Protein backbone atom coordinates (compact mmCIF):
# COMPACT_ATOMS: atom_id res chain seq x y z
CA MET A 1 10.12 46.37 61.36
CA LEU A 2 12.58 48.07 59.10
CA ARG A 3 12.91 48.10 55.36
CA SER A 4 16.27 48.69 53.74
CA GLU A 5 16.54 50.70 50.55
CA ARG A 6 19.83 50.61 48.73
CA ASN A 7 21.74 53.90 48.97
CA ARG A 8 18.91 55.44 51.02
CA GLY A 9 18.95 53.74 54.43
CA LEU A 10 16.47 52.04 56.74
CA PHE A 11 12.82 52.97 56.96
CA VAL A 12 10.11 51.92 59.40
CA ILE A 13 7.47 49.76 57.77
CA THR A 14 3.85 50.63 58.39
CA LEU A 15 1.12 48.10 57.81
CA THR A 16 -1.83 49.09 55.66
CA PRO A 17 -5.29 47.65 56.33
CA GLU A 18 -4.69 45.35 53.33
CA ASP A 19 -1.42 44.15 54.92
CA VAL A 20 -3.21 43.41 58.18
CA ARG A 21 -5.99 41.54 56.38
CA ASP A 22 -3.38 39.51 54.49
CA ILE A 23 -1.50 38.67 57.70
CA TYR A 24 -4.69 37.39 59.31
CA ILE A 25 -5.69 35.41 56.21
CA ALA A 26 -2.30 33.69 56.31
CA ARG A 27 -2.46 33.14 60.05
CA ALA A 28 -5.94 31.61 59.81
CA ALA A 29 -4.81 29.23 57.06
CA ILE A 30 -1.76 28.15 59.04
CA GLU A 31 -3.63 27.72 62.32
CA ARG A 32 -6.51 25.86 60.67
CA ALA A 33 -4.01 23.40 59.15
CA ALA A 34 -2.19 23.16 62.48
CA VAL A 35 -5.33 22.27 64.43
CA MET A 36 -6.22 19.49 62.00
CA LEU A 37 -2.74 17.99 62.44
CA ILE A 38 -2.84 18.38 66.23
CA LEU A 39 -6.14 16.50 66.41
CA ARG A 40 -4.59 13.63 64.45
CA ARG A 41 -1.37 13.56 66.49
CA ASP A 42 -1.41 14.28 70.21
CA PRO A 43 -4.07 16.78 71.23
CA GLY A 44 -3.44 16.08 74.93
CA ARG A 45 0.12 17.35 74.74
CA ALA A 46 -1.01 20.46 72.84
CA VAL A 47 -3.76 21.13 75.40
CA ASP A 48 -1.22 20.85 78.24
CA ARG A 49 1.20 23.29 76.62
CA LEU A 50 -1.55 25.73 75.60
CA THR A 51 -3.06 25.58 79.10
CA GLU A 52 0.33 26.56 80.53
CA VAL A 53 0.55 29.58 78.20
CA HIS A 54 -3.09 30.42 78.91
CA ARG A 55 -2.22 30.60 82.63
CA LYS A 56 0.51 33.13 81.77
CA MET A 57 -2.12 35.17 79.96
CA GLN A 58 -4.45 34.99 82.97
CA ASP A 59 -1.70 36.13 85.33
CA ALA A 60 -0.71 39.01 83.04
CA ALA A 61 -4.33 40.12 82.64
CA ALA A 62 -4.87 40.03 86.42
CA ARG A 63 -1.88 42.40 86.79
CA SER A 64 -2.95 44.51 83.77
CA ASP A 65 0.52 43.77 82.36
CA TYR A 66 -0.19 44.37 78.68
CA GLN A 67 3.34 43.69 77.46
CA THR A 68 3.42 40.25 79.10
CA LEU A 69 -0.12 39.62 77.88
CA SER A 70 0.97 40.42 74.30
CA ASP A 71 4.00 38.17 74.65
CA ALA A 72 1.87 35.31 76.00
CA ASP A 73 -0.71 35.84 73.24
CA LEU A 74 2.01 35.47 70.63
CA GLU A 75 3.46 32.46 72.47
CA PHE A 76 0.01 30.83 72.51
CA HIS A 77 -0.20 30.95 68.72
CA GLU A 78 3.41 29.82 68.31
CA VAL A 79 2.75 26.79 70.53
CA PHE A 80 -0.45 26.12 68.59
CA VAL A 81 1.48 25.89 65.32
CA THR A 82 4.51 24.12 66.84
CA GLU A 83 2.30 21.37 68.25
CA SER A 84 1.19 20.55 64.71
CA GLY A 85 4.62 19.00 64.19
CA SER A 86 4.80 20.44 60.67
CA PRO A 87 8.16 22.08 59.93
CA ARG A 88 6.66 23.94 56.97
CA LEU A 89 3.75 25.37 58.93
CA MET A 90 6.21 26.43 61.64
CA ARG A 91 8.45 28.07 59.04
CA MET A 92 5.52 29.88 57.41
CA HIS A 93 4.28 31.02 60.80
CA GLY A 94 7.80 32.14 61.69
CA THR A 95 7.85 34.51 58.72
CA LEU A 96 4.70 36.19 60.10
CA ILE A 97 6.01 36.60 63.66
CA VAL A 98 7.33 40.16 63.37
CA GLU A 99 4.23 41.45 61.61
CA THR A 100 2.02 39.50 63.97
CA ARG A 101 3.80 41.06 66.95
CA MET A 102 3.01 44.52 65.56
CA CYS A 103 -0.65 43.56 65.22
CA ILE A 104 -0.92 41.89 68.64
CA SER A 105 0.69 44.87 70.37
CA ALA A 106 -1.86 47.18 68.73
CA LEU A 107 -4.66 44.69 69.35
CA GLU A 108 -4.23 44.41 73.13
CA SER A 109 -5.25 48.06 73.59
CA THR A 110 -8.58 47.42 71.81
CA TYR A 111 -9.95 45.20 74.56
CA GLN A 112 -12.04 46.97 77.19
CA ARG A 113 -10.86 44.45 79.80
CA PRO A 114 -7.55 42.58 79.62
CA ASP A 115 -9.30 39.32 80.48
CA GLU A 116 -11.31 39.47 77.22
CA VAL A 117 -8.30 38.24 75.25
CA VAL A 118 -7.74 35.55 77.89
CA GLU A 119 -11.34 34.35 77.52
CA GLU A 120 -11.01 34.09 73.72
CA HIS A 121 -7.93 31.89 74.04
CA GLY A 122 -9.52 29.81 76.81
CA VAL A 123 -12.38 28.89 74.48
CA LEU A 124 -9.83 27.64 71.93
CA VAL A 125 -8.15 25.44 74.56
CA LYS A 126 -11.52 24.00 75.67
CA ALA A 127 -12.52 23.21 72.09
CA LEU A 128 -9.18 21.52 71.44
CA ARG A 129 -9.56 19.51 74.63
CA SER A 130 -12.97 18.28 73.47
CA GLY A 131 -11.59 17.44 70.01
CA GLU A 132 -14.30 19.29 68.08
CA GLU A 133 -12.55 19.97 64.75
CA GLU A 134 -15.37 21.92 63.07
CA ARG A 135 -15.92 24.05 66.15
CA LEU A 136 -12.19 24.73 66.41
CA LEU A 137 -12.01 25.81 62.77
CA ARG A 138 -14.96 28.18 63.31
CA LEU A 139 -13.36 29.55 66.49
CA ILE A 140 -10.05 30.18 64.73
CA ASP A 141 -11.84 32.06 61.96
CA ALA A 142 -13.86 34.05 64.50
CA HIS A 143 -10.71 34.84 66.50
CA MET A 144 -8.93 36.15 63.41
CA GLU A 145 -11.99 38.08 62.19
CA ASP A 146 -12.39 39.66 65.61
CA ALA A 147 -8.77 40.82 65.44
CA LEU A 148 -9.39 42.29 61.99
CA ARG A 149 -12.43 44.20 63.25
CA ARG A 150 -10.50 45.53 66.22
CA LEU A 151 -7.52 46.59 64.11
CA ALA A 152 -9.54 48.22 61.33
CA HIS A 153 -8.66 51.86 60.79
CA PRO A 154 -11.48 53.94 62.27
CA ALA A 155 -11.81 56.13 59.18
CA GLN A 156 -12.14 53.13 56.88
CA GLU A 157 -15.53 51.77 55.95
CA ALA A 158 -16.38 48.86 58.27
CA HIS A 159 -17.33 46.55 55.40
CA GLU A 160 -13.82 46.76 53.93
CA MET A 161 -12.29 44.85 56.85
CA GLN A 162 -15.16 42.51 57.63
CA PRO A 163 -16.86 40.11 57.85
CA SER A 164 -14.66 37.58 56.13
CA LEU A 165 -11.04 36.56 55.88
CA GLN A 166 -11.54 36.06 52.17
CA PRO A 167 -9.53 38.44 49.99
CA PRO A 168 -11.61 41.01 48.15
CA ARG A 169 -13.05 39.86 44.83
CA ARG A 170 -11.78 41.47 41.70
CA ARG A 171 -14.27 42.87 39.28
CA SER A 172 -13.86 41.73 35.73
CA ARG A 173 -13.19 44.40 33.16
CA ARG A 174 -16.10 43.20 31.07
CA SER A 175 -18.67 43.71 33.85
CA SER A 176 -17.44 47.20 34.64
CA ARG A 177 -17.70 48.42 31.04
CA ARG A 178 -21.24 47.54 30.16
CA PRO A 179 -24.15 45.81 31.78
CA THR A 180 -25.22 42.39 30.59
CA THR A 181 -28.65 42.03 29.09
CA THR A 182 -31.08 39.21 29.64
């Protein structure tokens, strides 16, 4: 990704841990909304399309082809959102594609075995096939939180990137100035 600065040129954008957290918060919100719509529309069609992409992931993992695995991982999530049928969710997801690609490319190298990522996505397909909305929502959150843990900068405190997709709470000025008395 490049950023253009007037009269200065193009610069490569680097993602901070806060950027990555924000990307995954947005992705989780979009995919959670998408799964609820899929379950109300045509889950069978979505399962068929996701199963096809999942097979691509399996083939790539078997060959240890990380680039194809990353591409299929991204395609999986694109199909997931597309199958919701919501033009707005698709548009929102589309704005995250470039940043998501950066994350997924970095993420693939964090798996000890290439089939780990395949297994995670297979569980999502199985849950969608069974129509378990609450389970699917939990799995989406877990999938995104796992990615956050894997992408966390090693020097950063572990608690800053986990365990939740919730943005950090802001401290009020009042509480930081003086303690309350009871």
